[in-house]
């Protein structure tokens, strides 16, 4: 997965954020995490790319996925399931 840039926008109290991070780890996808509850610039970036406030938001090489959607994550990472 080194060829994919993965960013995950999260909050500490979000159970789906935890699930997304576990799923990415399980599939050996390196990711960079941004806590939008404590980082205002990350929050603004998340809203700019997703046009909404809910988390998690996953950005995989410019493909923006809102929520924990395995199918969309798999497609964006080119995972064969």
C-alpha atoms as a PDB file:
ATOM      1  CA  UNK A   1       0.000   0.000   0.000  1.00  0.00           C
ATOM      2  CA  UNK A   2       3.014   2.288  -0.069  1.00  0.00           C
ATOM      3  CA  UNK A   3       1.811   3.712  -3.362  1.00  0.00           C
ATOM      4  CA  UNK A   4      -1.437   5.069  -1.867  1.00  0.00           C
ATOM      5  CA  UNK A   5      -1.629   8.236   0.236  1.00  0.00           C
ATOM      6  CA  UNK A   6      -4.252   7.566   2.918  1.00  0.00           C
ATOM      7  CA  UNK A   7      -5.503  10.237   5.323  1.00  0.00           C
ATOM      8  CA  UNK A   8      -8.082   9.519   8.004  1.00  0.00           C
ATOM      9  CA  UNK A   9      -9.953  12.360   9.708  1.00  0.00           C
ATOM     10  CA  UNK A  10     -11.204  11.240  13.123  1.00  0.00           C
ATOM     11  CA  UNK A  11     -12.382  12.202  16.599  1.00  0.00           C
ATOM     12  CA  UNK A  12     -11.462  10.368  19.818  1.00  0.00           C
ATOM     13  CA  UNK A  13     -15.069   9.388  20.614  1.00  0.00           C
ATOM     14  CA  UNK A  14     -15.942   7.930  17.191  1.00  0.00           C
ATOM     15  CA  UNK A  15     -16.293   4.118  17.169  1.00  0.00           C
ATOM     16  CA  UNK A  16     -16.385   4.005  13.357  1.00  0.00           C
ATOM     17  CA  UNK A  17     -13.063   5.852  13.276  1.00  0.00           C
ATOM     18  CA  UNK A  18     -11.546   3.044  15.348  1.00  0.00           C
ATOM     19  CA  UNK A  19     -13.065   0.470  12.980  1.00  0.00           C
ATOM     20  CA  UNK A  20     -11.629   2.243   9.916  1.00  0.00           C
ATOM     21  CA  UNK A  21      -8.142   2.379  11.431  1.00  0.00           C
ATOM     22  CA  UNK A  22      -8.301  -1.313  12.395  1.00  0.00           C
ATOM     23  CA  UNK A  23      -9.483  -2.221   8.880  1.00  0.00           C
ATOM     24  CA  UNK A  24      -6.666  -0.246   7.259  1.00  0.00           C
ATOM     25  CA  UNK A  25      -4.093  -1.900   9.552  1.00  0.00           C
ATOM     26  CA  UNK A  26      -5.542  -5.346   8.803  1.00  0.00           C
ATOM     27  CA  UNK A  27      -5.064  -4.625   5.090  1.00  0.00           C
ATOM     28  CA  UNK A  28      -1.518  -3.272   5.577  1.00  0.00           C
ATOM     29  CA  UNK A  29      -2.490   0.233   4.489  1.00  0.00           C
ATOM     30  CA  UNK A  30      -0.321   2.957   5.986  1.00  0.00           C
ATOM     31  CA  UNK A  31      -2.322   6.035   6.899  1.00  0.00           C
ATOM     32  CA  UNK A  32      -1.937   9.435   8.456  1.00  0.00           C
ATOM     33  CA  UNK A  33      -4.509  10.302  11.125  1.00  0.00           C
ATOM     34  CA  UNK A  34      -5.899  13.782  11.769  1.00  0.00           C
ATOM     35  CA  UNK A  35      -7.878  14.464  14.966  1.00  0.00           C
ATOM     36  CA  UNK A  36     -10.425  17.070  13.871  1.00  0.00           C
ATOM     37  CA  UNK A  37     -11.635  17.576  17.450  1.00  0.00           C
ATOM     38  CA  UNK A  38      -8.316  19.109  18.510  1.00  0.00           C
ATOM     39  CA  UNK A  39      -6.836  20.364  15.222  1.00  0.00           C
ATOM     40  CA  UNK A  40      -8.784  23.234  13.666  1.00  0.00           C
ATOM     41  CA  UNK A  41      -6.828  23.237  10.401  1.00  0.00           C
ATOM     42  CA  UNK A  42      -7.511  19.511   9.917  1.00  0.00           C
ATOM     43  CA  UNK A  43     -11.187  20.108  10.683  1.00  0.00           C
ATOM     44  CA  UNK A  44     -11.348  22.824   8.024  1.00  0.00           C
ATOM     45  CA  UNK A  45      -9.569  20.587   5.498  1.00  0.00           C
ATOM     46  CA  UNK A  46     -11.973  17.715   6.223  1.00  0.00           C
ATOM     47  CA  UNK A  47     -15.024  19.937   5.700  1.00  0.00           C
ATOM     48  CA  UNK A  48     -13.504  21.362   2.512  1.00  0.00           C
ATOM     49  CA  UNK A  49     -12.979  17.925   0.939  1.00  0.00           C
ATOM     50  CA  UNK A  50     -16.130  16.190   2.237  1.00  0.00           C
ATOM     51  CA  UNK A  51     -18.597  19.111   2.508  1.00  0.00           C
ATOM     52  CA  UNK A  52     -19.851  17.802   5.844  1.00  0.00           C
ATOM     53  CA  UNK A  53     -18.962  17.485   9.536  1.00  0.00           C
ATOM     54  CA  UNK A  54     -19.298  13.741  10.192  1.00  0.00           C
ATOM     55  CA  UNK A  55     -16.367  11.410  10.797  1.00  0.00           C
ATOM     56  CA  UNK A  56     -14.631   9.322   9.771  1.00  0.00           C
ATOM     57  CA  UNK A  57     -13.579  10.840   6.486  1.00  0.00           C
ATOM     58  CA  UNK A  58     -11.002   8.880   4.513  1.00  0.00           C
ATOM     59  CA  UNK A  59      -8.993  10.434   1.682  1.00  0.00           C
ATOM     60  CA  UNK A  60      -7.237   7.827  -0.468  1.00  0.00           C
ATOM     61  CA  UNK A  61      -5.247   9.564  -3.190  1.00  0.00           C
ATOM     62  CA  UNK A  62      -8.010  12.151  -3.588  1.00  0.00           C
ATOM     63  CA  UNK A  63     -10.905   9.670  -3.377  1.00  0.00           C
ATOM     64  CA  UNK A  64     -12.957  10.938  -0.439  1.00  0.00           C
ATOM     65  CA  UNK A  65     -15.001   8.371   1.493  1.00  0.00           C
ATOM     66  CA  UNK A  66     -17.387   9.447   4.243  1.00  0.00           C
ATOM     67  CA  UNK A  67     -17.993   6.841   6.911  1.00  0.00           C
ATOM     68  CA  UNK A  68     -16.705   3.296   7.229  1.00  0.00           C
ATOM     69  CA  UNK A  69     -17.587   1.893   3.804  1.00  0.00           C
ATOM     70  CA  UNK A  70     -15.553  -1.273   3.209  1.00  0.00           C
ATOM     71  CA  UNK A  71     -16.514  -1.543  -0.461  1.00  0.00           C
ATOM     72  CA  UNK A  72     -15.408   1.987  -1.288  1.00  0.00           C
ATOM     73  CA  UNK A  73     -12.208   1.601   0.745  1.00  0.00           C
ATOM     74  CA  UNK A  74     -11.419  -1.679  -1.020  1.00  0.00           C
ATOM     75  CA  UNK A  75     -11.959  -0.077  -4.446  1.00  0.00           C
ATOM     76  CA  UNK A  76      -9.844   2.961  -3.596  1.00  0.00           C
ATOM     77  CA  UNK A  77      -7.025   0.732  -2.323  1.00  0.00           C
ATOM     78  CA  UNK A  78      -7.418  -1.763  -5.201  1.00  0.00           C
ATOM     79  CA  UNK A  79      -7.994  -4.608  -2.746  1.00  0.00           C
ATOM     80  CA  UNK A  80      -9.234  -7.886  -4.160  1.00  0.00           C
ATOM     81  CA  UNK A  81     -12.015  -9.279  -1.978  1.00  0.00           C
END
